[in-house]
Amino acid sequence: MAEDGVMFEGSSSSSREQMAEDGVMFEGSSSESSDVPCGCQWERESAGSSMDIATFEADADVANRIESAGSFATFEADADVANRIAGVNPVPDSTSSLVTAFRAGVFMVEFLQQTFGAEKLRESLLNHANLFSSHCSGIGSPEQACDILQAALTATLGWPKRWQSVSACEINKACCAILEQKLPSDCCINRNIFDAFPGWDSSLGPSPTVLERWTALCSAWRPDIKLPCAAHGGLCKQRRSNLNVTGSPCQPWSKAGRKQKTSDVRFNVTLAYLCWIWCTKPVVALHENVLGFHKNIIPELIGSLYKVIDLHIQPSDAGFVFVGRPRHFAIIVRKDVEITRNMLTVLQEASKYIKEKVGFPRVSACMVATAEECLLCENKARLKRGLGPLTVASSDWSYLLTTKQVGYLRDYHKLWEEQNAKKGAVSNFPPDLLMNLSQDPNVRPAMFQHLPTMRASGGILWSPSMKRWLLDRECALAMGWPVLQATASAAGVPMDSFDYKTSQLGNSMHVFAAMLALAVALGCTRMQVEHRPA
């Protein structure tokens, strides 16, 4: 490896004690403490970034997220919830374009069939019996993406489902509880990626280089030891997989994470993940991070065994044009696998096809909460403030905002009026305008007719036209989770009735961005002739 200033920067201690001081959660730590946002593995930032939450910028450095994902949607939708949403709460006309966006998996398969031809597509890894795994698994975005892609292959091409989720890895207890309900019963949920590397850092000095850490990890890996499994309540053998999707910690590469790069202790998770790839040799792996991720790291470490194709993918590429969340996807393909097409070209052409099919859904399409749901949310907020419950939801929730949030809202209003005065426009608030009340608009103005980037630290996204914030379920809808029966039917999967928190959503991949990355990666690759399915 070349000593290029990226790969060999000094690193802080990799001990658990140091990581705990940096806010990293380990098994046995509580995710319920009031000062710990409910998120996913390795999500915590340093203590000084409490109010700097979300902003929609093309520079993904600001989009400080650690994806954690992992699980197939094998759960059954709650019938009462499904009936209530489908019957009492029909999808409004404004949401119809968003429902169409949930058909992006079908549109993608249609595009691949038209572009590649049925015979060539059948030879691709889309038609391979894939054993799927993930690390930093969180609430399960990649497996949900797999489920949607498989459903599209079945609906469009009549292919049977041949992919099986065999393992996930997640350290946060709240996320593990969700995964336990989602994943197949025979799928393992490991709690800590470092469990497979016992004592790896015991002989390292206080500031080991990347090469020293990499060598220590590869030397410490133990494929024969059993790992703690949250799903089965004991120790389970390590499961082999040939397809993996992981989003490693992004704080080392983001502005909000102070851009400590390889010296950030959380970078060790990325090293452990790449070491796992090196040792287990999956056929294809997808690694997701912010655009600031140093893409030369992966080929420097495992380039002798793998080809790496770098793609920039955002939700708009899959039809979710109102969501700003650009991400770097490294498509990691074992060298004995054939790459049949230029993945970037396929991505660009597929995105164009999908957008033409979907149209232009807007932020307001996600604002689907019923009066009952709004009342429940408002009363929860009132309870926290020592107020009694209401019987009918109020039309203005600004009285529930903190003093700081009220000040931010006042500044947002002033900025909005000034901007419109310069344009000679009326200062009415459009239904698609959102204001992030977790950051100072005078420092980072962020009023966009898009969904501001959500992060693991949560935050309030305020709609001035509706005079309330977006509910967690509405944020989940924007992030590609099929929480409405209509969207689930469009995607061909069961309705997702889990109660995700905004902090968990902010710590996850966009479901349809992950789906698109998977479709491109598997559609453009095939095994050698002797390994192809009949």
Protein backbone atom coordinates (compact mmCIF):
# COMPACT_ATOMS: atom_id res chain seq x y z
CA MET A 1 0.00 0.00 0.00
CA ALA A 2 1.23 3.48 -0.81
CA GLU A 3 1.86 5.82 2.08
CA ASP A 4 -0.36 8.52 0.63
CA GLY A 5 -1.36 10.39 3.76
CA VAL A 6 -4.73 8.70 3.89
CA MET A 7 -3.97 5.08 4.54
CA PHE A 8 -1.27 5.64 7.14
CA GLU A 9 -2.49 8.50 9.25
CA GLY A 10 -2.02 7.96 12.94
CA SER A 11 -4.93 6.52 14.85
CA SER A 12 -6.16 7.05 18.36
CA SER A 13 -6.33 4.06 20.68
CA SER A 14 -8.70 1.34 19.57
CA SER A 15 -9.52 0.16 23.07
CA ARG A 16 -13.11 -0.22 24.17
CA GLU A 17 -12.54 2.30 26.92
CA GLN A 18 -11.49 4.99 24.45
CA MET A 19 -14.38 4.18 22.14
CA ALA A 20 -16.81 4.39 25.03
CA GLU A 21 -15.47 7.84 25.87
CA ASP A 22 -16.20 8.88 22.29
CA GLY A 23 -19.81 7.89 22.75
CA VAL A 24 -19.67 4.50 21.06
CA MET A 25 -22.14 2.01 22.48
CA PHE A 26 -21.07 -1.52 23.38
CA GLU A 27 -23.01 -4.56 24.38
CA GLY A 28 -24.38 -3.99 27.82
CA SER A 29 -24.68 -0.24 27.40
CA SER A 30 -28.13 1.26 27.50
CA SER A 31 -29.74 2.79 24.46
CA GLU A 32 -32.50 4.15 26.66
CA SER A 33 -30.53 6.77 28.54
CA SER A 34 -31.88 10.26 28.01
CA ASP A 35 -28.58 11.54 26.67
CA VAL A 36 -28.15 8.72 24.15
CA PRO A 37 -30.14 9.04 20.93
CA CYS A 38 -31.91 5.87 19.95
CA GLY A 39 -30.00 4.86 16.88
CA CYS A 40 -27.75 2.11 15.63
CA GLN A 41 -24.28 0.62 15.82
CA TRP A 42 -21.37 3.05 16.20
CA GLU A 43 -23.64 6.01 15.62
CA ARG A 44 -22.66 8.38 18.38
CA GLU A 45 -20.81 11.56 17.56
CA SER A 46 -18.55 13.47 19.88
CA ALA A 47 -20.33 15.31 22.63
CA GLY A 48 -20.22 18.77 21.12
CA SER A 49 -22.58 18.29 18.18
CA SER A 50 -25.93 18.23 19.94
CA MET A 51 -27.96 20.81 18.02
CA ASP A 52 -26.30 20.62 14.62
CA ILE A 53 -28.74 18.22 13.06
CA ALA A 54 -29.86 18.06 9.45
CA THR A 55 -29.35 20.04 6.31
CA PHE A 56 -29.94 19.30 2.65
CA GLU A 57 -26.70 19.92 0.80
CA ALA A 58 -25.06 18.21 -2.14
CA ASP A 59 -21.94 17.95 -0.01
CA ALA A 60 -22.58 14.67 1.75
CA ASP A 61 -20.08 15.58 4.45
CA VAL A 62 -22.98 17.21 6.23
CA ALA A 63 -25.04 14.08 5.89
CA ASN A 64 -23.42 12.49 8.91
CA ARG A 65 -24.77 9.01 9.08
CA ILE A 66 -23.70 5.55 9.90
CA GLU A 67 -25.71 3.18 8.05
CA SER A 68 -26.71 0.26 9.85
CA ALA A 69 -28.97 -2.08 8.10
CA GLY A 70 -30.13 -5.57 8.01
CA SER A 71 -33.17 -7.72 7.62
CA PHE A 72 -35.63 -9.35 5.29
CA ALA A 73 -39.23 -8.24 5.80
CA THR A 74 -40.59 -11.64 6.75
CA PHE A 75 -42.96 -10.30 9.40
CA GLU A 76 -46.70 -10.16 8.83
CA ALA A 77 -48.48 -6.84 8.79
CA ASP A 78 -50.81 -6.20 11.69
CA ALA A 79 -54.27 -6.76 10.21
CA ASP A 80 -55.99 -4.14 12.33
CA VAL A 81 -53.47 -1.48 11.37
CA ALA A 82 -53.60 -2.46 7.71
CA ASN A 83 -57.39 -2.38 7.63
CA ARG A 84 -57.52 0.95 9.41
CA ILE A 85 -55.06 2.57 7.04
CA ALA A 86 -56.57 1.03 3.92
CA GLY A 87 -60.16 1.70 4.93
CA VAL A 88 -60.57 4.54 7.39
CA ASN A 89 -57.51 6.38 6.13
CA PRO A 90 -57.33 6.00 2.32
CA VAL A 91 -54.24 7.37 0.61
CA PRO A 92 -54.87 10.98 -0.51
CA ASP A 93 -54.43 11.98 -4.14
CA SER A 94 -51.30 13.96 -3.25
CA THR A 95 -49.63 10.70 -2.16
CA SER A 96 -50.31 8.78 -5.37
CA SER A 97 -46.99 9.78 -6.97
CA LEU A 98 -45.16 8.60 -3.85
CA VAL A 99 -46.99 5.27 -4.05
CA THR A 100 -45.73 5.01 -7.63
CA ALA A 101 -42.18 5.58 -6.37
CA PHE A 102 -42.54 2.41 -4.32
CA ARG A 103 -42.80 0.55 -7.63
CA ALA A 104 -39.22 1.55 -8.44
CA GLY A 105 -38.10 -2.06 -7.98
CA VAL A 106 -40.47 -3.19 -10.71
CA PHE A 107 -39.39 -0.32 -12.96
CA MET A 108 -35.74 -1.25 -12.40
CA VAL A 109 -36.32 -4.89 -13.36
CA GLU A 110 -38.30 -3.78 -16.42
CA PHE A 111 -35.39 -1.60 -17.46
CA LEU A 112 -32.86 -4.40 -16.99
CA GLN A 113 -34.99 -6.83 -18.98
CA GLN A 114 -35.42 -4.37 -21.84
CA THR A 115 -31.73 -3.41 -21.83
CA PHE A 116 -30.02 -6.76 -21.24
CA GLY A 117 -32.55 -9.19 -22.66
CA ALA A 118 -34.14 -12.04 -20.73
CA GLU A 119 -31.38 -14.58 -21.44
CA LYS A 120 -28.49 -12.34 -20.37
CA LEU A 121 -30.36 -11.19 -17.30
CA ARG A 122 -30.95 -14.81 -16.32
CA GLU A 123 -27.17 -15.33 -16.35
CA SER A 124 -26.58 -12.45 -13.94
CA LEU A 125 -26.13 -12.68 -10.19
CA LEU A 126 -29.71 -11.48 -9.82
CA ASN A 127 -30.57 -15.10 -10.61
CA HIS A 128 -27.99 -16.53 -8.22
CA ALA A 129 -28.79 -18.29 -4.95
CA ASN A 130 -27.47 -15.54 -2.72
CA LEU A 131 -26.77 -15.98 0.99
CA PHE A 132 -27.11 -12.45 2.35
CA SER A 133 -25.43 -10.78 5.31
CA SER A 134 -24.95 -7.27 6.64
CA HIS A 135 -22.91 -5.43 9.25
CA CYS A 136 -23.89 -2.27 11.14
CA SER A 137 -27.35 -3.65 10.49
CA GLY A 138 -29.53 -1.19 12.38
CA ILE A 139 -33.23 -1.44 11.53
CA GLY A 140 -32.71 -3.37 8.30
CA SER A 141 -32.57 -1.12 5.24
CA PRO A 142 -30.47 -3.38 2.94
CA GLU A 143 -32.54 -6.47 3.64
CA GLN A 144 -35.71 -4.49 3.06
CA ALA A 145 -34.15 -3.40 -0.23
CA CYS A 146 -33.37 -7.04 -1.05
CA ASP A 147 -36.93 -8.02 -0.27
CA ILE A 148 -38.30 -5.34 -2.59
CA LEU A 149 -35.90 -6.29 -5.39
CA GLN A 150 -36.76 -9.98 -5.04
CA ALA A 151 -40.46 -9.17 -5.12
CA ALA A 152 -39.92 -7.18 -8.32
CA LEU A 153 -38.02 -10.06 -9.94
CA THR A 154 -40.84 -12.43 -9.06
CA ALA A 155 -43.61 -10.09 -10.21
CA THR A 156 -41.92 -9.07 -13.46
CA LEU A 157 -39.98 -12.17 -14.51
CA GLY A 158 -41.65 -14.92 -12.52
CA TRP A 159 -38.39 -15.87 -10.81
CA PRO A 160 -38.66 -17.72 -7.48
CA LYS A 161 -37.10 -16.08 -4.46
CA ARG A 162 -33.62 -17.55 -4.06
CA TRP A 163 -31.98 -15.21 -1.54
CA GLN A 164 -31.67 -16.04 2.12
CA SER A 165 -30.63 -13.77 4.98
CA VAL A 166 -28.11 -15.69 7.10
CA SER A 167 -26.59 -13.11 9.44
CA ALA A 168 -26.67 -9.52 10.62
CA CYS A 169 -24.43 -7.64 13.02
CA GLU A 170 -25.78 -4.89 15.27
CA ILE A 171 -24.69 -3.63 18.67
CA ASN A 172 -27.64 -1.43 19.62
CA LYS A 173 -30.21 -3.31 21.71
CA ALA A 174 -33.24 -1.39 20.43
CA CYS A 175 -32.27 -2.12 16.84
CA CYS A 176 -31.58 -5.76 17.67
CA ALA A 177 -35.08 -6.06 19.09
CA ILE A 178 -36.47 -4.86 15.76
CA LEU A 179 -34.21 -7.21 13.80
CA GLU A 180 -35.28 -10.17 15.90
CA GLN A 181 -38.87 -9.60 14.78
CA LYS A 182 -37.95 -9.01 11.14
CA LEU A 183 -35.32 -11.59 10.34
CA PRO A 184 -36.01 -15.26 9.59
CA SER A 185 -35.81 -17.40 12.71
CA ASP A 186 -32.66 -19.18 11.51
CA CYS A 187 -30.78 -15.93 10.84
CA CYS A 188 -28.08 -15.02 13.35
CA ILE A 189 -27.78 -11.53 14.84
CA ASN A 190 -24.23 -11.00 16.06
CA ARG A 191 -23.75 -8.19 18.54
CA ASN A 192 -20.25 -6.87 17.86
CA ILE A 193 -18.16 -7.00 14.70
CA PHE A 194 -14.97 -7.25 16.79
CA ASP A 195 -16.10 -10.49 18.46
CA ALA A 196 -14.60 -12.38 15.51
CA PHE A 197 -11.24 -10.66 16.13
CA PRO A 198 -10.48 -11.47 19.79
CA GLY A 199 -7.66 -9.44 21.30
CA TRP A 200 -6.83 -7.81 17.99
CA ASP A 201 -5.71 -4.52 19.54
CA SER A 202 -3.99 -5.89 22.65
CA SER A 203 -0.46 -5.37 21.34
CA LEU A 204 -1.02 -2.09 19.51
CA GLY A 205 0.53 1.15 20.67
CA PRO A 206 -1.38 4.37 21.46
CA SER A 207 -1.45 5.63 17.85
CA PRO A 208 -1.21 2.67 15.48
CA THR A 209 -1.13 3.25 11.74
CA VAL A 210 -3.75 1.89 9.40
CA LEU A 211 -1.35 -0.81 8.26
CA GLU A 212 -0.64 -1.85 11.84
CA ARG A 213 -4.34 -2.07 12.66
CA TRP A 214 -5.10 -3.90 9.42
CA THR A 215 -2.36 -6.45 10.06
CA ALA A 216 -3.53 -6.95 13.65
CA LEU A 217 -7.13 -7.51 12.57
CA CYS A 218 -6.26 -9.98 9.81
CA SER A 219 -4.01 -11.90 12.20
CA ALA A 220 -6.67 -12.01 14.92
CA TRP A 221 -9.62 -13.18 12.81
CA ARG A 222 -10.98 -16.51 14.04
CA PRO A 223 -13.45 -18.24 11.68
CA ASP A 224 -13.78 -21.21 14.04
CA ILE A 225 -15.06 -19.45 17.17
CA LYS A 226 -18.73 -19.10 17.95
CA LEU A 227 -20.15 -15.60 18.37
CA PRO A 228 -22.81 -14.22 20.74
CA CYS A 229 -26.14 -14.26 18.91
CA ALA A 230 -29.05 -12.04 19.94
CA ALA A 231 -31.48 -14.09 17.86
CA HIS A 232 -30.74 -17.46 19.46
CA GLY A 233 -29.64 -16.39 22.92
CA GLY A 234 -26.28 -18.12 22.97
CA LEU A 235 -23.22 -18.75 20.86
CA CYS A 236 -23.64 -19.56 17.16
CA LYS A 237 -21.23 -20.64 14.45
CA GLN A 238 -20.22 -17.91 12.03
CA ARG A 239 -22.32 -18.03 8.87
CA ARG A 240 -20.79 -17.72 5.42
CA SER A 241 -22.44 -15.43 2.86
CA ASN A 242 -21.76 -14.60 -0.77
CA LEU A 243 -23.56 -11.23 -0.79
CA ASN A 244 -23.10 -8.48 1.78
CA VAL A 245 -24.32 -4.90 2.18
CA THR A 246 -22.85 -2.68 4.88
CA GLY A 247 -22.71 1.02 5.65
CA SER A 248 -19.79 1.70 7.96
CA PRO A 249 -19.48 4.71 10.31
CA CYS A 250 -19.43 7.97 8.40
CA GLN A 251 -18.25 10.32 11.17
CA PRO A 252 -14.57 9.97 10.19
CA TRP A 253 -15.42 11.53 6.82
CA SER A 254 -18.07 14.10 7.72
CA LYS A 255 -17.93 17.71 8.87
CA ALA A 256 -20.22 17.00 11.79
CA GLY A 257 -17.92 14.14 12.79
CA ARG A 258 -14.94 16.52 12.63
CA LYS A 259 -13.33 14.70 9.68
CA GLN A 260 -10.74 12.86 11.72
CA LYS A 261 -10.50 10.35 8.86
CA THR A 262 -8.46 7.24 9.62
CA SER A 263 -7.43 8.58 13.04
CA ASP A 264 -11.06 8.39 14.20
CA VAL A 265 -11.47 5.30 16.36
CA ARG A 266 -14.73 4.49 14.56
CA PHE A 267 -12.75 3.86 11.39
CA ASN A 268 -11.68 0.60 13.02
CA VAL A 269 -15.18 -0.72 12.28
CA THR A 270 -14.55 -0.15 8.57
CA LEU A 271 -11.19 -1.90 8.84
CA ALA A 272 -12.80 -4.88 10.59
CA TYR A 273 -15.47 -5.05 7.91
CA LEU A 274 -12.92 -5.01 5.08
CA CYS A 275 -10.87 -7.62 6.92
CA TRP A 276 -13.99 -9.78 7.14
CA ILE A 277 -14.38 -9.47 3.35
CA TRP A 278 -10.71 -10.34 2.85
CA CYS A 279 -11.01 -13.45 5.01
CA THR A 280 -14.46 -14.77 3.98
CA LYS A 281 -14.36 -13.72 0.30
CA PRO A 282 -18.03 -13.03 -0.55
CA VAL A 283 -18.80 -12.87 -4.27
CA VAL A 284 -20.15 -9.31 -4.13
CA ALA A 285 -20.23 -6.74 -1.34
CA LEU A 286 -21.67 -3.23 -1.26
CA HIS A 287 -20.18 -0.62 1.04
CA GLU A 288 -22.09 2.63 1.64
CA ASN A 289 -20.86 5.87 3.18
CA VAL A 290 -21.00 9.64 2.68
CA LEU A 291 -19.44 11.21 -0.41
CA GLY A 292 -16.46 12.34 1.65
CA PHE A 293 -15.36 8.74 2.20
CA HIS A 294 -11.85 8.20 0.82
CA LYS A 295 -12.61 5.72 -1.93
CA ASN A 296 -8.97 4.64 -2.38
CA ILE A 297 -9.02 2.86 0.98
CA ILE A 298 -10.93 -0.19 -0.22
CA PRO A 299 -8.81 -1.05 -3.28
CA GLU A 300 -5.64 -0.32 -1.28
CA LEU A 301 -6.60 -2.97 1.27
CA ILE A 302 -8.38 -5.68 -0.73
CA GLY A 303 -7.68 -4.74 -4.35
CA SER A 304 -5.61 -7.86 -5.00
CA LEU A 305 -8.77 -9.97 -4.63
CA TYR A 306 -11.52 -7.55 -5.63
CA LYS A 307 -12.48 -5.06 -8.30
CA VAL A 308 -14.07 -1.90 -6.88
CA ILE A 309 -16.56 0.25 -8.79
CA ASP A 310 -17.44 3.59 -7.18
CA LEU A 311 -20.97 4.92 -7.68
CA HIS A 312 -22.71 7.99 -6.30
CA ILE A 313 -26.36 7.16 -5.66
CA GLN A 314 -29.12 9.21 -4.07
CA PRO A 315 -32.82 8.54 -3.47
CA SER A 316 -33.80 10.72 -6.42
CA ASP A 317 -32.14 8.14 -8.69
CA ALA A 318 -34.86 5.73 -7.57
CA GLY A 319 -37.73 8.20 -7.91
CA PHE A 320 -37.64 9.79 -4.45
CA VAL A 321 -36.75 13.17 -5.93
CA PHE A 322 -37.63 15.14 -2.78
CA VAL A 323 -35.10 13.33 -0.57
CA GLY A 324 -31.56 14.68 -0.50
CA ARG A 325 -29.20 11.95 0.69
CA PRO A 326 -26.30 11.46 -1.76
CA ARG A 327 -24.11 8.52 -0.87
CA HIS A 328 -20.97 6.77 -2.08
CA PHE A 329 -21.52 3.10 -2.87
CA ALA A 330 -18.46 0.94 -3.45
CA ILE A 331 -19.45 -2.12 -5.47
CA ILE A 332 -16.88 -4.74 -4.45
CA VAL A 333 -16.71 -7.63 -6.93
CA ARG A 334 -14.49 -10.67 -6.55
CA LYS A 335 -12.00 -10.88 -9.42
CA ASP A 336 -13.20 -14.29 -10.62
CA VAL A 337 -16.62 -12.74 -11.31
CA GLU A 338 -17.30 -11.18 -14.70
CA ILE A 339 -18.54 -7.59 -14.92
CA THR A 340 -20.71 -7.52 -18.04
CA ARG A 341 -21.70 -3.86 -18.26
CA ASN A 342 -20.50 -0.40 -17.29
CA MET A 343 -22.27 0.04 -13.95
CA LEU A 344 -22.22 3.83 -14.04
CA THR A 345 -23.89 3.89 -17.45
CA VAL A 346 -26.50 1.37 -16.33
CA LEU A 347 -27.17 3.43 -13.19
CA GLN A 348 -27.63 6.64 -15.17
CA GLU A 349 -29.92 5.09 -17.77
CA ALA A 350 -31.93 3.19 -15.17
CA SER A 351 -32.39 6.34 -13.10
CA LYS A 352 -33.73 8.19 -16.12
CA TYR A 353 -36.16 5.35 -16.85
CA ILE A 354 -37.41 5.21 -13.25
CA LYS A 355 -37.87 8.97 -12.98
CA GLU A 356 -39.95 9.01 -16.15
CA LYS A 357 -42.18 6.30 -14.68
CA VAL A 358 -42.49 7.84 -11.21
CA GLY A 359 -42.87 11.53 -11.97
CA PHE A 360 -42.19 14.08 -9.25
CA PRO A 361 -43.52 13.21 -5.79
CA ARG A 362 -43.16 16.03 -3.29
CA VAL A 363 -42.46 16.26 0.42
CA SER A 364 -46.13 16.90 1.16
CA ALA A 365 -46.92 13.42 -0.20
CA CYS A 366 -45.40 12.01 2.99
CA MET A 367 -47.62 14.04 5.31
CA VAL A 368 -50.22 11.32 5.70
CA ALA A 369 -50.72 11.19 9.47
CA THR A 370 -54.32 10.75 10.55
CA ALA A 371 -56.01 12.99 13.10
CA GLU A 372 -55.74 10.09 15.52
CA GLU A 373 -51.98 9.80 14.99
CA CYS A 374 -51.49 13.56 15.33
CA LEU A 375 -53.46 13.58 18.56
CA LEU A 376 -51.39 10.73 19.97
CA CYS A 377 -48.13 12.48 19.04
CA GLU A 378 -49.27 15.82 20.43
CA ASN A 379 -50.40 14.27 23.70
CA LYS A 380 -47.04 12.51 24.10
CA ALA A 381 -45.31 15.87 23.69
CA ARG A 382 -47.73 17.48 26.13
CA LEU A 383 -47.07 14.77 28.70
CA LYS A 384 -43.33 15.46 28.53
CA ARG A 385 -44.08 19.11 29.25
CA GLY A 386 -46.39 18.35 32.15
CA LEU A 387 -49.59 19.18 30.26
CA GLY A 388 -52.80 17.19 30.32
CA PRO A 389 -54.09 15.27 27.28
CA LEU A 390 -56.36 16.72 24.60
CA THR A 391 -59.31 14.99 22.98
CA VAL A 392 -58.77 16.67 19.60
CA ALA A 393 -55.44 17.54 18.02
CA SER A 394 -54.74 21.28 17.89
CA SER A 395 -54.08 23.12 14.64
CA ASP A 396 -50.78 24.64 15.79
CA TRP A 397 -48.07 22.80 17.72
CA SER A 398 -45.71 25.74 18.08
CA TYR A 399 -46.64 26.03 21.78
CA LEU A 400 -44.81 22.70 22.28
CA LEU A 401 -41.50 24.01 20.94
CA THR A 402 -38.61 24.88 23.22
CA THR A 403 -37.47 28.46 23.64
CA LYS A 404 -34.51 27.80 21.35
CA GLN A 405 -36.72 26.19 18.70
CA VAL A 406 -39.15 29.11 18.83
CA GLY A 407 -36.23 31.45 18.24
CA TYR A 408 -35.04 29.38 15.29
CA LEU A 409 -38.56 29.35 13.86
CA ARG A 410 -38.80 33.12 14.16
CA ASP A 411 -35.48 33.49 12.34
CA TYR A 412 -36.61 31.07 9.63
CA HIS A 413 -39.76 33.12 9.08
CA LYS A 414 -37.71 36.29 8.79
CA LEU A 415 -35.32 34.70 6.29
CA TRP A 416 -38.21 33.35 4.25
CA GLU A 417 -39.86 36.76 4.05
CA GLU A 418 -36.57 38.40 3.06
CA GLN A 419 -35.94 35.85 0.32
CA ASN A 420 -39.41 36.28 -1.13
CA ALA A 421 -39.22 40.08 -0.91
CA LYS A 422 -36.11 39.99 -3.10
CA LYS A 423 -38.01 37.90 -5.65
CA GLY A 424 -41.14 40.02 -5.42
CA ALA A 425 -43.05 36.89 -4.41
CA VAL A 426 -45.79 36.34 -1.85
CA SER A 427 -44.51 35.09 1.49
CA ASN A 428 -47.07 32.30 1.89
CA PHE A 429 -45.60 29.03 3.10
CA PRO A 430 -45.90 26.28 0.46
CA PRO A 431 -46.97 22.82 1.67
CA ASP A 432 -43.57 21.35 0.74
CA LEU A 433 -41.50 23.75 2.82
CA LEU A 434 -39.70 22.22 5.81
CA MET A 435 -37.60 23.94 8.45
CA ASN A 436 -35.05 22.14 10.56
CA LEU A 437 -35.58 23.41 14.10
CA SER A 438 -32.51 21.59 15.39
CA GLN A 439 -30.03 24.00 13.85
CA ASP A 440 -29.55 27.75 13.85
CA PRO A 441 -30.75 29.15 10.48
CA ASN A 442 -28.34 32.08 10.87
CA VAL A 443 -25.45 29.61 10.89
CA ARG A 444 -26.81 27.04 8.45
CA PRO A 445 -29.93 28.25 6.65
CA ALA A 446 -31.77 25.11 5.57
CA MET A 447 -35.23 25.79 4.19
CA PHE A 448 -35.86 23.52 1.26
CA GLN A 449 -38.78 21.93 -0.47
CA HIS A 450 -36.98 18.66 0.16
CA LEU A 451 -36.65 16.42 3.16
CA PRO A 452 -33.66 17.76 5.12
CA THR A 453 -31.09 15.07 5.76
CA MET A 454 -31.95 13.08 8.88
CA ARG A 455 -29.20 12.01 11.23
CA ALA A 456 -28.77 9.67 14.16
CA SER A 457 -29.14 12.56 16.58
CA GLY A 458 -32.74 13.05 15.46
CA GLY A 459 -34.33 16.49 15.32
CA ILE A 460 -37.57 18.27 14.42
CA LEU A 461 -38.55 18.90 10.80
CA TRP A 462 -41.17 21.64 10.96
CA SER A 463 -43.86 22.27 8.36
CA PRO A 464 -44.85 25.97 8.62
CA SER A 465 -47.93 25.42 6.46
CA MET A 466 -49.24 22.60 8.68
CA LYS A 467 -47.82 24.14 11.86
CA ARG A 468 -46.53 20.83 13.14
CA TRP A 469 -43.48 18.64 12.78
CA LEU A 470 -43.23 15.51 10.64
CA LEU A 471 -44.17 12.40 12.57
CA ASP A 472 -41.74 9.49 12.71
CA ARG A 473 -43.95 7.39 10.44
CA GLU A 474 -43.98 10.15 7.83
CA CYS A 475 -40.19 10.30 7.94
CA ALA A 476 -40.09 6.51 7.53
CA LEU A 477 -42.27 6.81 4.44
CA ALA A 478 -39.87 9.33 2.93
CA MET A 479 -36.95 6.99 3.65
CA GLY A 480 -38.57 4.24 1.60
CA TRP A 481 -40.19 2.15 4.32
CA PRO A 482 -43.58 0.72 3.23
CA VAL A 483 -45.52 1.92 6.27
CA LEU A 484 -48.74 2.45 4.30
CA GLN A 485 -50.65 -0.48 2.87
CA ALA A 486 -50.75 1.22 -0.52
CA THR A 487 -46.96 1.62 -0.61
CA ALA A 488 -46.43 -1.95 0.58
CA SER A 489 -48.71 -3.26 -2.16
CA ALA A 490 -46.86 -1.15 -4.73
CA ALA A 491 -43.53 -2.60 -3.57
CA GLY A 492 -44.91 -6.14 -3.37
CA VAL A 493 -43.94 -6.62 0.28
CA PRO A 494 -45.80 -6.79 3.61
CA MET A 495 -46.69 -3.50 5.24
CA ASP A 496 -44.10 -2.42 7.80
CA SER A 497 -45.82 -1.62 11.09
CA PHE A 498 -42.71 -1.01 13.20
CA ASP A 499 -42.53 2.20 15.20
CA TYR A 500 -39.17 3.59 14.06
CA LYS A 501 -37.69 6.66 15.68
CA THR A 502 -36.40 9.51 13.55
CA SER A 503 -32.94 8.93 15.03
CA GLN A 504 -32.99 5.33 13.81
CA LEU A 505 -34.13 6.43 10.35
CA GLY A 506 -31.41 9.06 10.27
CA ASN A 507 -28.91 6.30 10.91
CA SER A 508 -30.00 4.10 8.02
CA MET A 509 -29.69 3.80 4.26
CA HIS A 510 -32.52 4.98 2.09
CA VAL A 511 -34.25 1.72 1.22
CA PHE A 512 -34.64 2.44 -2.49
CA ALA A 513 -31.13 3.81 -2.93
CA ALA A 514 -29.88 0.49 -1.54
CA MET A 515 -32.29 -1.39 -3.83
CA LEU A 516 -30.95 0.46 -6.86
CA ALA A 517 -27.34 -0.22 -5.88
CA LEU A 518 -28.08 -3.93 -5.45
CA ALA A 519 -29.89 -4.16 -8.77
CA VAL A 520 -27.04 -2.49 -10.65
CA ALA A 521 -24.35 -4.54 -8.91
CA LEU A 522 -26.01 -7.92 -9.40
CA GLY A 523 -27.48 -7.17 -12.81
CA CYS A 524 -24.06 -6.25 -14.20
CA THR A 525 -22.19 -9.30 -12.89
CA ARG A 526 -22.21 -13.03 -13.54
CA MET A 527 -20.32 -16.10 -12.40
CA GLN A 528 -17.97 -18.11 -14.57
CA VAL A 529 -19.82 -20.51 -16.89
CA GLU A 530 -19.41 -23.56 -14.65
CA HIS A 531 -21.04 -21.73 -11.72
CA ARG A 532 -24.08 -20.30 -13.51
CA PRO A 533 -27.56 -21.56 -12.60
CA ALA A 534 -29.39 -23.71 -15.13
